[in-house]
C-alpha atoms as a PDB file:
ATOM      1  CA  MET A   1      68.600  81.145 -13.574  1.00  0.00           C
ATOM      2  CA  THR A   2      71.393  83.900 -13.934  1.00  0.00           C
ATOM      3  CA  SER A   3      68.818  86.344 -14.666  1.00  0.00           C
ATOM      4  CA  ILE A   4      67.247  85.838 -11.328  1.00  0.00           C
ATOM      5  CA  PHE A   5      69.917  85.307  -9.020  1.00  0.00           C
ATOM      6  CA  ASN A   6      72.182  88.373 -10.510  1.00  0.00           C
ATOM      7  CA  PRO A   7      69.884  91.030  -9.165  1.00  0.00           C
ATOM      8  CA  ILE A   8      69.216  89.128  -5.984  1.00  0.00           C
ATOM      9  CA  THR A   9      72.913  88.963  -5.278  1.00  0.00           C
ATOM     10  CA  ASN A  10      73.571  92.624  -6.187  1.00  0.00           C
ATOM     11  CA  ASN A  11      70.881  93.699  -3.663  1.00  0.00           C
ATOM     12  CA  LEU A  12      71.979  91.750  -1.034  1.00  0.00           C
ATOM     13  CA  ALA A  13      75.518  92.760  -1.477  1.00  0.00           C
ATOM     14  CA  HIS A  14      74.298  96.416  -1.031  1.00  0.00           C
ATOM     15  CA  GLY A  15      72.634  95.729   2.306  1.00  0.00           C
ATOM     16  CA  LYS A  16      68.980  95.605   0.474  1.00  0.00           C
ATOM     17  CA  ARG A  17      65.872  93.194   1.213  1.00  0.00           C
ATOM     18  CA  VAL A  18      64.517  91.199  -1.842  1.00  0.00           C
ATOM     19  CA  GLU A  19      60.869  90.015  -1.604  1.00  0.00           C
ATOM     20  CA  SER A  20      58.919  88.059  -4.293  1.00  0.00           C
ATOM     21  CA  ARG A  21      55.218  88.205  -3.421  1.00  0.00           C
ATOM     22  CA  GLY A  22      53.539  85.005  -2.380  1.00  0.00           C
ATOM     23  CA  PHE A  23      57.152  83.157  -2.355  1.00  0.00           C
ATOM     24  CA  GLY A  24      59.292  84.529   0.246  1.00  0.00           C
ATOM     25  CA  SER A  25      62.322  87.135   1.026  1.00  0.00           C
ATOM     26  CA  PHE A  26      66.139  87.266   0.737  1.00  0.00           C
ATOM     27  CA  THR A  27      67.935  89.228   3.325  1.00  0.00           C
ATOM     28  CA  SER A  28      71.618  89.225   4.251  1.00  0.00           C
ATOM     29  CA  LYS A  29      72.864  89.075   7.858  1.00  0.00           C
ATOM     30  CA  ILE A  30      76.264  89.760   9.590  1.00  0.00           C
ATOM     31  CA  ARG A  31      77.710  86.955  11.245  1.00  0.00           C
ATOM     32  CA  ASN A  32      80.054  87.836  14.023  1.00  0.00           C
ATOM     33  CA  PRO A  33      83.328  86.610  14.367  1.00  0.00           C
ATOM     34  CA  ARG A  34      83.859  83.389  16.414  1.00  0.00           C
ATOM     35  CA  ILE A  35      86.279  80.394  16.815  1.00  0.00           C
ATOM     36  CA  GLY A  36      85.754  77.483  14.885  1.00  0.00           C
ATOM     37  CA  ARG A  37      87.164  74.117  14.585  1.00  0.00           C
ATOM     38  CA  ASP A  38      89.468  72.732  11.647  1.00  0.00           C
ATOM     39  CA  PRO A  39      87.688  69.179  10.655  1.00  0.00           C
ATOM     40  CA  ARG A  40      90.996  67.797   9.643  1.00  0.00           C
ATOM     41  CA  ASN A  41      92.975  68.177  12.845  1.00  0.00           C
ATOM     42  CA  GLY A  42      90.328  69.563  15.418  1.00  0.00           C
ATOM     43  CA  GLY A  43      92.299  72.603  16.085  1.00  0.00           C
ATOM     44  CA  ALA A  44      90.842  75.922  16.676  1.00  0.00           C
ATOM     45  CA  VAL A  45      90.701  78.368  13.939  1.00  0.00           C
ATOM     46  CA  GLN A  46      89.528  82.291  13.954  1.00  0.00           C
ATOM     47  CA  VAL A  47      86.334  82.657  11.634  1.00  0.00           C
ATOM     48  CA  GLU A  48      86.136  86.137  10.469  1.00  0.00           C
ATOM     49  CA  THR A  49      82.800  88.362  10.246  1.00  0.00           C
ATOM     50  CA  LYS A  50      81.332  87.715   7.205  1.00  0.00           C
ATOM     51  CA  GLN A  51      78.004  88.560   5.371  1.00  0.00           C
ATOM     52  CA  VAL A  52      75.508  85.538   4.806  1.00  0.00           C
ATOM     53  CA  PRO A  53      72.486  85.446   2.552  1.00  0.00           C
ATOM     54  CA  THR A  54      68.975  84.236   4.416  1.00  0.00           C
ATOM     55  CA  PHE A  55      65.552  83.181   3.051  1.00  0.00           C
ATOM     56  CA  ARG A  56      62.181  83.389   4.652  1.00  0.00           C
ATOM     57  CA  ALA A  57      59.462  81.441   2.944  1.00  0.00           C
ATOM     58  CA  TRP A  58      55.945  83.226   3.103  1.00  0.00           C
ATOM     59  CA  LYS A  59      53.154  81.777   4.392  1.00  0.00           C
ATOM     60  CA  GLN A  60      51.318  81.238   0.920  1.00  0.00           C
ATOM     61  CA  LEU A  61      54.603  79.063  -0.228  1.00  0.00           C
ATOM     62  CA  LEU A  62      54.358  77.153   2.941  1.00  0.00           C
ATOM     63  CA  THR A  63      50.712  76.534   2.914  1.00  0.00           C
ATOM     64  CA  ARG A  64      50.963  74.984  -0.802  1.00  0.00           C
ATOM     65  CA  LEU A  65      54.068  72.769   0.342  1.00  0.00           C
ATOM     66  CA  ASN A  66      52.306  71.336   3.573  1.00  0.00           C
ATOM     67  CA  PRO A  67      48.448  71.723   2.875  1.00  0.00           C
ATOM     68  CA  GLU A  68      47.738  69.385   5.987  1.00  0.00           C
ATOM     69  CA  SER A  69      49.706  71.586   8.465  1.00  0.00           C
END
C-alpha cells in the first residue's frame, strides 16, 4: 500500500492532480479558516487554513458498485 499512497501523497502535497483511469481522481483543496467548536467544552476555537485531500470516483467505478442505478 505504501508504494501506492506515497506517490499520491507527494503529488497532492505539490498541488498536482492524480488520476487512476476507471477508478477516480485525487486532488487537494484549501479549506478557509473558520471558527470551530471544542467538543469537550463547547468553546470557540480558531481553525486555521489547511490543505485537505479530496477524491472523486469515476463513472466506471460507480457503475460497477451500483449496477442498478
